[in-house]
């Protein structure tokens, strides 16, 4: 199983979350994807992937903040089983010349396979 699939599967153990290993068009609350943000090579033995799991939140900011309060500890717990979670951040997706949708970005590290 790929790291992307492992991270998506872990996130999907949280009720109402539907993360895919790769980007899919759509904007439903709870949907998301896995991003390999970068790979660090601290030594000759291999790389450490810097991964992000993105979960979309409601478009309304107040509702998004309430949903984030609920999901942050749940995503942290689920993803901590499969990577070293550094942070879970409230943010927005980036859209060309439009405002983005609120989201959570769970960032962490895992050795490359």
PDB file of N, CA and C in Angstrom:
ATOM      1  N   UNK A   1       0.849  -1.170   0.000  1.00  0.00           N
ATOM      2  CA  UNK A   1       0.000   0.000   0.000  1.00  0.00           C
ATOM      3  C   UNK A   1       0.900   1.241   0.000  1.00  0.00           C
ATOM      4  N   UNK A   2       0.527   2.244  -0.775  1.00  0.00           N
ATOM      5  CA  UNK A   2       1.324   3.472  -0.860  1.00  0.00           C
ATOM      6  C   UNK A   2       1.138   4.330   0.397  1.00  0.00           C
ATOM      7  N   UNK A   3       2.101   5.212   0.630  1.00  0.00           N
ATOM      8  CA  UNK A   3       1.991   6.140   1.756  1.00  0.00           C
ATOM      9  C   UNK A   3       0.754   7.007   1.603  1.00  0.00           C
ATOM     10  N   UNK A   4       0.481   7.471   0.390  1.00  0.00           N
ATOM     11  CA  UNK A   4      -0.712   8.288   0.149  1.00  0.00           C
ATOM     12  C   UNK A   4      -1.970   7.551   0.596  1.00  0.00           C
ATOM     13  N   UNK A   5      -2.081   6.291   0.210  1.00  0.00           N
ATOM     14  CA  UNK A   5      -3.263   5.510   0.561  1.00  0.00           C
ATOM     15  C   UNK A   5      -3.318   5.271   2.068  1.00  0.00           C
ATOM     16  N   UNK A   6      -2.168   5.003   2.681  1.00  0.00           N
ATOM     17  CA  UNK A   6      -2.112   4.794   4.128  1.00  0.00           C
ATOM     18  C   UNK A   6      -2.604   6.030   4.877  1.00  0.00           C
ATOM     19  N   UNK A   7      -2.153   7.214   4.454  1.00  0.00           N
ATOM     20  CA  UNK A   7      -2.580   8.453   5.105  1.00  0.00           C
ATOM     21  C   UNK A   7      -4.061   8.723   4.876  1.00  0.00           C
ATOM     22  N   UNK A   8      -4.532   8.493   3.645  1.00  0.00           N
ATOM     23  CA  UNK A   8      -5.962   8.684   3.356  1.00  0.00           C
ATOM     24  C   UNK A   8      -6.804   7.740   4.205  1.00  0.00           C
ATOM     25  N   UNK A   9      -6.400   6.476   4.274  1.00  0.00           N
ATOM     26  CA  UNK A   9      -7.151   5.491   5.061  1.00  0.00           C
ATOM     27  C   UNK A   9      -7.212   5.890   6.534  1.00  0.00           C
ATOM     28  N   UNK A  10      -6.098   6.382   7.068  1.00  0.00           N
ATOM     29  CA  UNK A  10      -6.077   6.805   8.472  1.00  0.00           C
ATOM     30  C   UNK A  10      -7.020   7.980   8.698  1.00  0.00           C
ATOM     31  N   UNK A  11      -6.967   8.970   7.814  1.00  0.00           N
ATOM     32  CA  UNK A  11      -7.862  10.130   7.952  1.00  0.00           C
ATOM     33  C   UNK A  11      -9.318   9.703   7.846  1.00  0.00           C
ATOM     34  N   UNK A  12      -9.592   8.737   6.999  1.00  0.00           N
ATOM     35  CA  UNK A  12     -10.970   8.295   6.769  1.00  0.00           C
ATOM     36  C   UNK A  12     -11.567   7.516   7.939  1.00  0.00           C
ATOM     37  N   UNK A  13     -10.776   7.232   8.954  1.00  0.00           N
ATOM     38  CA  UNK A  13     -11.334   6.603  10.152  1.00  0.00           C
ATOM     39  C   UNK A  13     -12.113   7.627  10.983  1.00  0.00           C
ATOM     40  N   UNK A  14     -11.948   8.907  10.672  1.00  0.00           N
ATOM     41  CA  UNK A  14     -12.691   9.975  11.356  1.00  0.00           C
ATOM     42  C   UNK A  14     -14.055  10.111  10.677  1.00  0.00           C
ATOM     43  N   UNK A  15     -15.110  10.067  11.461  1.00  0.00           N
ATOM     44  CA  UNK A  15     -16.469  10.153  10.915  1.00  0.00           C
ATOM     45  C   UNK A  15     -16.651  11.433  10.103  1.00  0.00           C
ATOM     46  N   UNK A  16     -17.206  11.293   8.900  1.00  0.00           N
ATOM     47  CA  UNK A  16     -17.491  12.436   8.043  1.00  0.00           C
ATOM     48  C   UNK A  16     -16.331  12.895   7.191  1.00  0.00           C
ATOM     49  N   UNK A  17     -15.196  12.206   7.266  1.00  0.00           N
ATOM     50  CA  UNK A  17     -14.019  12.569   6.475  1.00  0.00           C
ATOM     51  C   UNK A  17     -13.883  11.576   5.322  1.00  0.00           C
ATOM     52  N   UNK A  18     -13.617  12.105   4.123  1.00  0.00           N
ATOM     53  CA  UNK A  18     -13.474  11.292   2.911  1.00  0.00           C
ATOM     54  C   UNK A  18     -12.284  11.819   2.115  1.00  0.00           C
ATOM     55  N   UNK A  19     -11.084  11.388   2.502  1.00  0.00           N
ATOM     56  CA  UNK A  19      -9.842  11.848   1.881  1.00  0.00           C
ATOM     57  C   UNK A  19      -9.426  10.846   0.808  1.00  0.00           C
ATOM     58  N   UNK A  20      -8.993  11.388  -0.328  1.00  0.00           N
ATOM     59  CA  UNK A  20      -8.487  10.570  -1.434  1.00  0.00           C
ATOM     60  C   UNK A  20      -6.962  10.703  -1.493  1.00  0.00           C
ATOM     61  N   UNK A  21      -6.277   9.688  -1.994  1.00  0.00           N
ATOM     62  CA  UNK A  21      -4.816   9.766  -2.077  1.00  0.00           C
ATOM     63  C   UNK A  21      -4.317  10.893  -2.982  1.00  0.00           C
ATOM     64  N   UNK A  22      -5.094  11.238  -4.005  1.00  0.00           N
ATOM     65  CA  UNK A  22      -4.733  12.307  -4.938  1.00  0.00           C
ATOM     66  C   UNK A  22      -5.881  13.300  -5.048  1.00  0.00           C
ATOM     67  N   UNK A  23      -5.584  14.472  -5.580  1.00  0.00           N
ATOM     68  CA  UNK A  23      -6.576  15.540  -5.724  1.00  0.00           C
ATOM     69  C   UNK A  23      -7.749  15.084  -6.574  1.00  0.00           C
ATOM     70  N   UNK A  24      -8.942  15.445  -6.136  1.00  0.00           N
ATOM     71  CA  UNK A  24     -10.171  15.251  -6.908  1.00  0.00           C
ATOM     72  C   UNK A  24     -10.953  16.550  -6.860  1.00  0.00           C
ATOM     73  N   UNK A  25     -11.520  16.919  -7.983  1.00  0.00           N
ATOM     74  CA  UNK A  25     -12.325  18.135  -8.060  1.00  0.00           C
ATOM     75  C   UNK A  25     -13.557  17.985  -7.175  1.00  0.00           C
ATOM     76  N   UNK A  26     -13.898  19.025  -6.489  1.00  0.00           N
ATOM     77  CA  UNK A  26     -15.078  18.992  -5.640  1.00  0.00           C
ATOM     78  C   UNK A  26     -14.870  19.869  -4.430  1.00  0.00           C
ATOM     79  N   UNK A  27     -15.925  20.169  -3.753  1.00  0.00           N
ATOM     80  CA  UNK A  27     -15.790  21.056  -2.616  1.00  0.00           C
ATOM     81  C   UNK A  27     -16.679  20.687  -1.456  1.00  0.00           C
ATOM     82  N   UNK A  28     -16.964  19.412  -1.288  1.00  0.00           N
ATOM     83  CA  UNK A  28     -17.853  18.988  -0.205  1.00  0.00           C
ATOM     84  C   UNK A  28     -17.116  18.978   1.132  1.00  0.00           C
ATOM     85  N   UNK A  29     -17.818  19.415   2.152  1.00  0.00           N
ATOM     86  CA  UNK A  29     -17.264  19.381   3.502  1.00  0.00           C
ATOM     87  C   UNK A  29     -16.845  17.953   3.853  1.00  0.00           C
ATOM     88  N   UNK A  30     -15.644  17.819   4.392  1.00  0.00           N
ATOM     89  CA  UNK A  30     -15.122  16.517   4.798  1.00  0.00           C
ATOM     90  C   UNK A  30     -14.277  15.836   3.737  1.00  0.00           C
ATOM     91  N   UNK A  31     -14.415  16.264   2.487  1.00  0.00           N
ATOM     92  CA  UNK A  31     -13.600  15.672   1.429  1.00  0.00           C
ATOM     93  C   UNK A  31     -12.213  16.289   1.449  1.00  0.00           C
ATOM     94  N   UNK A  32     -11.261  15.593   0.870  1.00  0.00           N
ATOM     95  CA  UNK A  32      -9.907  16.120   0.853  1.00  0.00           C
ATOM     96  C   UNK A  32      -8.962  15.232   0.082  1.00  0.00           C
ATOM     97  N   UNK A  33      -7.675  15.523   0.226  1.00  0.00           N
ATOM     98  CA  UNK A  33      -6.653  14.764  -0.488  1.00  0.00           C
ATOM     99  C   UNK A  33      -5.326  14.815   0.267  1.00  0.00           C
ATOM    100  N   UNK A  34      -4.395  14.004  -0.205  1.00  0.00           N
ATOM    101  CA  UNK A  34      -3.068  13.905   0.392  1.00  0.00           C
ATOM    102  C   UNK A  34      -2.064  14.583  -0.537  1.00  0.00           C
ATOM    103  N   UNK A  35      -1.156  15.369   0.041  1.00  0.00           N
ATOM    104  CA  UNK A  35      -0.149  16.096  -0.732  1.00  0.00           C
ATOM    105  C   UNK A  35       1.237  15.755  -0.194  1.00  0.00           C
ATOM    106  N   UNK A  36       2.151  15.410  -1.087  1.00  0.00           N
ATOM    107  CA  UNK A  36       3.565  15.277  -0.722  1.00  0.00           C
ATOM    108  C   UNK A  36       4.180  16.655  -0.930  1.00  0.00           C
ATOM    109  N   UNK A  37       4.366  17.396   0.157  1.00  0.00           N
ATOM    110  CA  UNK A  37       4.824  18.783   0.073  1.00  0.00           C
ATOM    111  C   UNK A  37       6.308  18.885  -0.281  1.00  0.00           C
ATOM    112  N   UNK A  38       7.109  17.991   0.277  1.00  0.00           N
ATOM    113  CA  UNK A  38       8.534  17.969  -0.048  1.00  0.00           C
ATOM    114  C   UNK A  38       9.155  16.696   0.517  1.00  0.00           C
ATOM    115  N   UNK A  39      10.377  16.423   0.087  1.00  0.00           N
ATOM    116  CA  UNK A  39      11.149  15.307   0.627  1.00  0.00           C
ATOM    117  C   UNK A  39      12.490  15.861   1.094  1.00  0.00           C
ATOM    118  N   UNK A  40      12.801  15.647   2.365  1.00  0.00           N
ATOM    119  CA  UNK A  40      14.097  16.041   2.918  1.00  0.00           C
ATOM    120  C   UNK A  40      15.021  14.831   2.894  1.00  0.00           C
ATOM    121  N   UNK A  41      16.303  15.085   2.639  1.00  0.00           N
ATOM    122  CA  UNK A  41      17.305  14.028   2.633  1.00  0.00           C
ATOM    123  C   UNK A  41      18.359  14.365   3.685  1.00  0.00           C
ATOM    124  N   UNK A  42      18.090  14.022   4.950  1.00  0.00           N
ATOM    125  CA  UNK A  42      18.999  14.414   6.030  1.00  0.00           C
ATOM    126  C   UNK A  42      20.292  13.596   6.083  1.00  0.00           C
ATOM    127  N   UNK A  43      20.320  12.457   5.393  1.00  0.00           N
ATOM    128  CA  UNK A  43      21.517  11.621   5.396  1.00  0.00           C
ATOM    129  C   UNK A  43      21.500  10.743   4.151  1.00  0.00           C
ATOM    130  N   UNK A  44      22.474   9.857   4.021  1.00  0.00           N
ATOM    131  CA  UNK A  44      22.584   9.019   2.824  1.00  0.00           C
ATOM    132  C   UNK A  44      21.622   7.832   2.819  1.00  0.00           C
ATOM    133  N   UNK A  45      20.861   7.659   3.896  1.00  0.00           N
ATOM    134  CA  UNK A  45      20.032   6.474   4.018  1.00  0.00           C
ATOM    135  C   UNK A  45      18.640   6.606   3.400  1.00  0.00           C
ATOM    136  N   UNK A  46      18.242   7.803   3.031  1.00  0.00           N
ATOM    137  CA  UNK A  46      16.936   7.948   2.402  1.00  0.00           C
ATOM    138  C   UNK A  46      16.239   9.229   2.799  1.00  0.00           C
ATOM    139  N   UNK A  47      15.058   9.401   2.220  1.00  0.00           N
ATOM    140  CA  UNK A  47      14.323  10.636   2.411  1.00  0.00           C
ATOM    141  C   UNK A  47      13.228  10.542   3.458  1.00  0.00           C
ATOM    142  N   UNK A  48      12.854  11.709   3.933  1.00  0.00           N
ATOM    143  CA  UNK A  48      11.725  11.826   4.853  1.00  0.00           C
ATOM    144  C   UNK A  48      10.693  12.715   4.175  1.00  0.00           C
ATOM    145  N   UNK A  49       9.541  12.148   3.910  1.00  0.00           N
ATOM    146  CA  UNK A  49       8.486  12.890   3.250  1.00  0.00           C
ATOM    147  C   UNK A  49       7.788  13.841   4.207  1.00  0.00           C
ATOM    148  N   UNK A  50       7.540  15.044   3.733  1.00  0.00           N
ATOM    149  CA  UNK A  50       6.749  16.029   4.468  1.00  0.00           C
ATOM    150  C   UNK A  50       5.362  16.007   3.832  1.00  0.00           C
ATOM    151  N   UNK A  51       4.406  15.415   4.523  1.00  0.00           N
ATOM    152  CA  UNK A  51       3.073  15.160   3.975  1.00  0.00           C
ATOM    153  C   UNK A  51       2.045  16.124   4.541  1.00  0.00           C
ATOM    154  N   UNK A  52       1.023  16.398   3.729  1.00  0.00           N
ATOM    155  CA  UNK A  52      -0.113  17.199   4.183  1.00  0.00           C
ATOM    156  C   UNK A  52      -1.399  16.469   3.822  1.00  0.00           C
ATOM    157  N   UNK A  53      -2.284  16.374   4.776  1.00  0.00           N
ATOM    158  CA  UNK A  53      -3.612  15.825   4.544  1.00  0.00           C
ATOM    159  C   UNK A  53      -4.580  16.995   4.661  1.00  0.00           C
ATOM    160  N   UNK A  54      -5.263  17.283   3.567  1.00  0.00           N
ATOM    161  CA  UNK A  54      -6.154  18.439   3.501  1.00  0.00           C
ATOM    162  C   UNK A  54      -7.596  17.965   3.582  1.00  0.00           C
ATOM    163  N   UNK A  55      -8.368  18.573   4.483  1.00  0.00           N
ATOM    164  CA  UNK A  55      -9.785  18.248   4.668  1.00  0.00           C
ATOM    165  C   UNK A  55     -10.588  19.538   4.545  1.00  0.00           C
ATOM    166  N   UNK A  56     -11.540  19.556   3.617  1.00  0.00           N
ATOM    167  CA  UNK A  56     -12.360  20.748   3.396  1.00  0.00           C
ATOM    168  C   UNK A  56     -13.374  20.934   4.515  1.00  0.00           C
ATOM    169  N   UNK A  57     -13.627  22.201   4.823  1.00  0.00           N
ATOM    170  CA  UNK A  57     -14.581  22.592   5.854  1.00  0.00           C
ATOM    171  C   UNK A  57     -15.742  23.340   5.202  1.00  0.00           C
ATOM    172  N   UNK A  58     -16.810  23.597   5.945  1.00  0.00           N
ATOM    173  CA  UNK A  58     -17.925  24.371   5.385  1.00  0.00           C
ATOM    174  C   UNK A  58     -17.452  25.747   4.891  1.00  0.00           C
ATOM    175  N   UNK A  59     -18.140  26.288   3.894  1.00  0.00           N
ATOM    176  CA  UNK A  59     -17.782  27.582   3.319  1.00  0.00           C
ATOM    177  C   UNK A  59     -18.012  28.715   4.313  1.00  0.00           C
ATOM    178  N   UNK A  60     -19.071  28.642   5.094  1.00  0.00           N
ATOM    179  CA  UNK A  60     -19.358  29.641   6.118  1.00  0.00           C
ATOM    180  C   UNK A  60     -18.271  29.574   7.189  1.00  0.00           C
ATOM    181  N   UNK A  61     -17.626  30.696   7.474  1.00  0.00           N
ATOM    182  CA  UNK A  61     -16.460  30.706   8.360  1.00  0.00           C
ATOM    183  C   UNK A  61     -16.805  30.261   9.775  1.00  0.00           C
ATOM    184  N   UNK A  62     -17.920  30.710  10.315  1.00  0.00           N
ATOM    185  CA  UNK A  62     -18.285  30.291  11.673  1.00  0.00           C
ATOM    186  C   UNK A  62     -18.488  28.776  11.730  1.00  0.00           C
ATOM    187  N   UNK A  63     -19.196  28.242  10.756  1.00  0.00           N
ATOM    188  CA  UNK A  63     -19.405  26.785  10.706  1.00  0.00           C
ATOM    189  C   UNK A  63     -18.086  26.058  10.507  1.00  0.00           C
ATOM    190  N   UNK A  64     -17.201  26.629   9.698  1.00  0.00           N
ATOM    191  CA  UNK A  64     -15.890  26.023   9.465  1.00  0.00           C
ATOM    192  C   UNK A  64     -15.080  25.973  10.751  1.00  0.00           C
ATOM    193  N   UNK A  65     -15.112  27.056  11.526  1.00  0.00           N
ATOM    194  CA  UNK A  65     -14.369  27.079  12.782  1.00  0.00           C
ATOM    195  C   UNK A  65     -14.908  26.056  13.778  1.00  0.00           C
ATOM    196  N   UNK A  66     -16.228  25.925  13.839  1.00  0.00           N
ATOM    197  CA  UNK A  66     -16.828  24.934  14.738  1.00  0.00           C
ATOM    198  C   UNK A  66     -16.460  23.518  14.306  1.00  0.00           C
ATOM    199  N   UNK A  67     -16.500  23.263  12.982  1.00  0.00           N
ATOM    200  CA  UNK A  67     -16.135  21.934  12.471  1.00  0.00           C
ATOM    201  C   UNK A  67     -14.653  21.665  12.725  1.00  0.00           C
ATOM    202  N   UNK A  68     -13.813  22.689  12.580  1.00  0.00           N
ATOM    203  CA  UNK A  68     -12.375  22.539  12.846  1.00  0.00           C
ATOM    204  C   UNK A  68     -12.130  22.171  14.304  1.00  0.00           C
ATOM    205  N   UNK A  69     -12.839  22.840  15.220  1.00  0.00           N
ATOM    206  CA  UNK A  69     -12.701  22.525  16.641  1.00  0.00           C
ATOM    207  C   UNK A  69     -12.987  21.053  16.909  1.00  0.00           C
ATOM    208  N   UNK A  70     -13.970  20.516  16.198  1.00  0.00           N
ATOM    209  CA  UNK A  70     -14.353  19.109  16.359  1.00  0.00           C
ATOM    210  C   UNK A  70     -13.323  18.178  15.720  1.00  0.00           C
ATOM    211  N   UNK A  71     -12.841  18.522  14.518  1.00  0.00           N
ATOM    212  CA  UNK A  71     -11.997  17.603  13.750  1.00  0.00           C
ATOM    213  C   UNK A  71     -10.523  17.610  14.125  1.00  0.00           C
ATOM    214  N   UNK A  72      -9.999  18.735  14.593  1.00  0.00           N
ATOM    215  CA  UNK A  72      -8.550  18.805  14.834  1.00  0.00           C
ATOM    216  C   UNK A  72      -8.045  17.685  15.740  1.00  0.00           C
ATOM    217  N   UNK A  73      -8.613  17.481  16.929  1.00  0.00           N
ATOM    218  CA  UNK A  73      -8.072  16.399  17.762  1.00  0.00           C
ATOM    219  C   UNK A  73      -8.300  15.010  17.167  1.00  0.00           C
ATOM    220  N   UNK A  74      -9.391  14.836  16.430  1.00  0.00           N
ATOM    221  CA  UNK A  74      -9.683  13.533  15.822  1.00  0.00           C
ATOM    222  C   UNK A  74      -8.709  13.217  14.688  1.00  0.00           C
ATOM    223  N   UNK A  75      -8.436  14.214  13.841  1.00  0.00           N
ATOM    224  CA  UNK A  75      -7.459  14.006  12.760  1.00  0.00           C
ATOM    225  C   UNK A  75      -6.065  13.770  13.321  1.00  0.00           C
ATOM    226  N   UNK A  76      -5.705  14.546  14.337  1.00  0.00           N
ATOM    227  CA  UNK A  76      -4.390  14.354  14.957  1.00  0.00           C
ATOM    228  C   UNK A  76      -4.247  12.912  15.463  1.00  0.00           C
ATOM    229  N   UNK A  77      -5.237  12.442  16.179  1.00  0.00           N
ATOM    230  CA  UNK A  77      -5.169  11.090  16.745  1.00  0.00           C
ATOM    231  C   UNK A  77      -5.098  10.034  15.639  1.00  0.00           C
ATOM    232  N   UNK A  78      -5.918  10.180  14.616  1.00  0.00           N
ATOM    233  CA  UNK A  78      -5.951   9.183  13.535  1.00  0.00           C
ATOM    234  C   UNK A  78      -4.644   9.165  12.750  1.00  0.00           C
ATOM    235  N   UNK A  79      -4.129  10.339  12.407  1.00  0.00           N
ATOM    236  CA  UNK A  79      -2.918  10.400  11.586  1.00  0.00           C
ATOM    237  C   UNK A  79      -1.654  10.110  12.386  1.00  0.00           C
ATOM    238  N   UNK A  80      -1.690  10.312  13.696  1.00  0.00           N
ATOM    239  CA  UNK A  80      -0.518  10.012  14.526  1.00  0.00           C
ATOM    240  C   UNK A  80      -0.172   8.526  14.515  1.00  0.00           C
ATOM    241  N   UNK A  81      -1.124   7.709  14.130  1.00  0.00           N
ATOM    242  CA  UNK A  81      -0.869   6.262  14.038  1.00  0.00           C
ATOM    243  C   UNK A  81       0.047   5.918  12.867  1.00  0.00           C
ATOM    244  N   UNK A  82       0.121   6.807  11.842  1.00  0.00           N
ATOM    245  CA  UNK A  82       0.860   6.466  10.626  1.00  0.00           C
ATOM    246  C   UNK A  82       1.920   7.494  10.221  1.00  0.00           C
ATOM    247  N   UNK A  83       1.990   8.636  10.924  1.00  0.00           N
ATOM    248  CA  UNK A  83       3.061   9.601  10.668  1.00  0.00           C
ATOM    249  C   UNK A  83       3.265  10.459  11.917  1.00  0.00           C
ATOM    250  N   UNK A  84       4.405  11.122  11.969  1.00  0.00           N
ATOM    251  CA  UNK A  84       4.676  12.065  13.060  1.00  0.00           C
ATOM    252  C   UNK A  84       3.996  13.376  12.695  1.00  0.00           C
ATOM    253  N   UNK A  85       2.879  13.686  13.343  1.00  0.00           N
ATOM    254  CA  UNK A  85       2.103  14.886  13.026  1.00  0.00           C
ATOM    255  C   UNK A  85       2.754  16.099  13.696  1.00  0.00           C
ATOM    256  N   UNK A  86       3.106  17.092  12.880  1.00  0.00           N
ATOM    257  CA  UNK A  86       3.717  18.319  13.389  1.00  0.00           C
ATOM    258  C   UNK A  86       2.674  19.373  13.727  1.00  0.00           C
ATOM    259  N   UNK A  87       1.592  19.430  12.947  1.00  0.00           N
ATOM    260  CA  UNK A  87       0.566  20.454  13.178  1.00  0.00           C
ATOM    261  C   UNK A  87      -0.709  20.105  12.438  1.00  0.00           C
ATOM    262  N   UNK A  88      -1.814  20.671  12.925  1.00  0.00           N
ATOM    263  CA  UNK A  88      -3.086  20.656  12.203  1.00  0.00           C
ATOM    264  C   UNK A  88      -3.533  22.107  12.188  1.00  0.00           C
ATOM    265  N   UNK A  89      -3.568  22.699  11.000  1.00  0.00           N
ATOM    266  CA  UNK A  89      -3.761  24.132  10.835  1.00  0.00           C
ATOM    267  C   UNK A  89      -5.066  24.445  10.128  1.00  0.00           C
ATOM    268  N   UNK A  90      -5.767  25.470  10.603  1.00  0.00           N
ATOM    269  CA  UNK A  90      -6.948  25.995   9.932  1.00  0.00           C
ATOM    270  C   UNK A  90      -6.451  26.925   8.827  1.00  0.00           C
ATOM    271  N   UNK A  91      -6.933  26.729   7.602  1.00  0.00           N
ATOM    272  CA  UNK A  91      -6.506  27.580   6.488  1.00  0.00           C
ATOM    273  C   UNK A  91      -7.578  27.644   5.427  1.00  0.00           C
ATOM    274  N   UNK A  92      -7.180  28.030   4.233  1.00  0.00           N
ATOM    275  CA  UNK A  92      -8.087  28.032   3.085  1.00  0.00           C
ATOM    276  C   UNK A  92      -7.358  27.447   1.892  1.00  0.00           C
ATOM    277  N   UNK A  93      -8.139  26.823   1.022  1.00  0.00           N
ATOM    278  CA  UNK A  93      -7.563  26.314  -0.215  1.00  0.00           C
ATOM    279  C   UNK A  93      -7.195  27.506  -1.083  1.00  0.00           C
ATOM    280  N   UNK A  94      -6.288  27.320  -1.989  1.00  0.00           N
ATOM    281  CA  UNK A  94      -5.936  28.427  -2.875  1.00  0.00           C
ATOM    282  C   UNK A  94      -6.684  28.250  -4.187  1.00  0.00           C
ATOM    283  N   UNK A  95      -7.335  29.316  -4.605  1.00  0.00           N
ATOM    284  CA  UNK A  95      -8.100  29.324  -5.846  1.00  0.00           C
ATOM    285  C   UNK A  95      -7.602  30.490  -6.683  1.00  0.00           C
ATOM    286  N   UNK A  96      -7.451  30.291  -7.974  1.00  0.00           N
ATOM    287  CA  UNK A  96      -7.005  31.374  -8.848  1.00  0.00           C
ATOM    288  C   UNK A  96      -8.014  32.508  -8.856  1.00  0.00           C
ATOM    289  N   UNK A  97      -7.586  33.665  -8.372  1.00  0.00           N
ATOM    290  CA  UNK A  97      -8.382  34.892  -8.394  1.00  0.00           C
ATOM    291  C   UNK A  97      -9.746  34.772  -7.715  1.00  0.00           C
ATOM    292  N   UNK A  98      -9.889  33.852  -6.803  1.00  0.00           N
ATOM    293  CA  UNK A  98     -11.127  33.710  -6.025  1.00  0.00           C
ATOM    294  C   UNK A  98     -10.739  33.403  -4.594  1.00  0.00           C
ATOM    295  N   UNK A  99     -11.673  33.630  -3.699  1.00  0.00           N
ATOM    296  CA  UNK A  99     -11.385  33.250  -2.316  1.00  0.00           C
ATOM    297  C   UNK A  99     -11.481  31.734  -2.209  1.00  0.00           C
ATOM    298  N   UNK A 100     -10.648  31.160  -1.375  1.00  0.00           N
ATOM    299  CA  UNK A 100     -10.622  29.719  -1.232  1.00  0.00           C
ATOM    300  C   UNK A 100     -11.628  29.218  -0.211  1.00  0.00           C
ATOM    301  N   UNK A 101     -11.708  27.916  -0.108  1.00  0.00           N
ATOM    302  CA  UNK A 101     -12.619  27.280   0.839  1.00  0.00           C
ATOM    303  C   UNK A 101     -11.858  26.972   2.128  1.00  0.00           C
ATOM    304  N   UNK A 102     -12.479  27.206   3.286  1.00  0.00           N
ATOM    305  CA  UNK A 102     -11.811  26.844   4.536  1.00  0.00           C
ATOM    306  C   UNK A 102     -11.433  25.359   4.560  1.00  0.00           C
ATOM    307  N   UNK A 103     -10.318  25.063   5.175  1.00  0.00           N
ATOM    308  CA  UNK A 103      -9.858  23.674   5.247  1.00  0.00           C
ATOM    309  C   UNK A 103      -8.964  23.482   6.460  1.00  0.00           C
ATOM    310  N   UNK A 104      -8.708  22.230   6.763  1.00  0.00           N
ATOM    311  CA  UNK A 104      -7.692  21.857   7.740  1.00  0.00           C
ATOM    312  C   UNK A 104      -6.527  21.254   6.986  1.00  0.00           C
ATOM    313  N   UNK A 105      -5.318  21.565   7.429  1.00  0.00           N
ATOM    314  CA  UNK A 105      -4.117  20.996   6.833  1.00  0.00           C
ATOM    315  C   UNK A 105      -3.343  20.304   7.949  1.00  0.00           C
ATOM    316  N   UNK A 106      -3.338  18.976   7.905  1.00  0.00           N
ATOM    317  CA  UNK A 106      -2.587  18.188   8.884  1.00  0.00           C
ATOM    318  C   UNK A 106      -1.225  17.883   8.260  1.00  0.00           C
ATOM    319  N   UNK A 107      -0.167  18.422   8.843  1.00  0.00           N
ATOM    320  CA  UNK A 107       1.177  18.281   8.286  1.00  0.00           C
ATOM    321  C   UNK A 107       2.019  17.392   9.185  1.00  0.00           C
ATOM    322  N   UNK A 108       2.823  16.541   8.550  1.00  0.00           N
ATOM    323  CA  UNK A 108       3.681  15.664   9.327  1.00  0.00           C
ATOM    324  C   UNK A 108       4.747  15.001   8.486  1.00  0.00           C
ATOM    325  N   UNK A 109       5.516  14.134   9.128  1.00  0.00           N
ATOM    326  CA  UNK A 109       6.660  13.485   8.516  1.00  0.00           C
ATOM    327  C   UNK A 109       6.519  11.966   8.546  1.00  0.00           C
ATOM    328  N   UNK A 110       7.037  11.354   7.500  1.00  0.00           N
ATOM    329  CA  UNK A 110       7.066   9.889   7.412  1.00  0.00           C
ATOM    330  C   UNK A 110       8.194   9.510   6.466  1.00  0.00           C
ATOM    331  N   UNK A 111       8.943   8.469   6.815  1.00  0.00           N
ATOM    332  CA  UNK A 111      10.020   8.015   5.952  1.00  0.00           C
ATOM    333  C   UNK A 111       9.465   7.596   4.605  1.00  0.00           C
ATOM    334  N   UNK A 112      10.221   7.892   3.545  1.00  0.00           N
ATOM    335  CA  UNK A 112       9.806   7.512   2.208  1.00  0.00           C
ATOM    336  C   UNK A 112       9.973   6.006   2.024  1.00  0.00           C
ATOM    337  N   UNK A 113       9.057   5.438   1.285  1.00  0.00           N
ATOM    338  CA  UNK A 113       9.107   3.993   1.044  1.00  0.00           C
ATOM    339  C   UNK A 113       9.957   3.688  -0.168  1.00  0.00           C
TER     340      UNK A 113
END
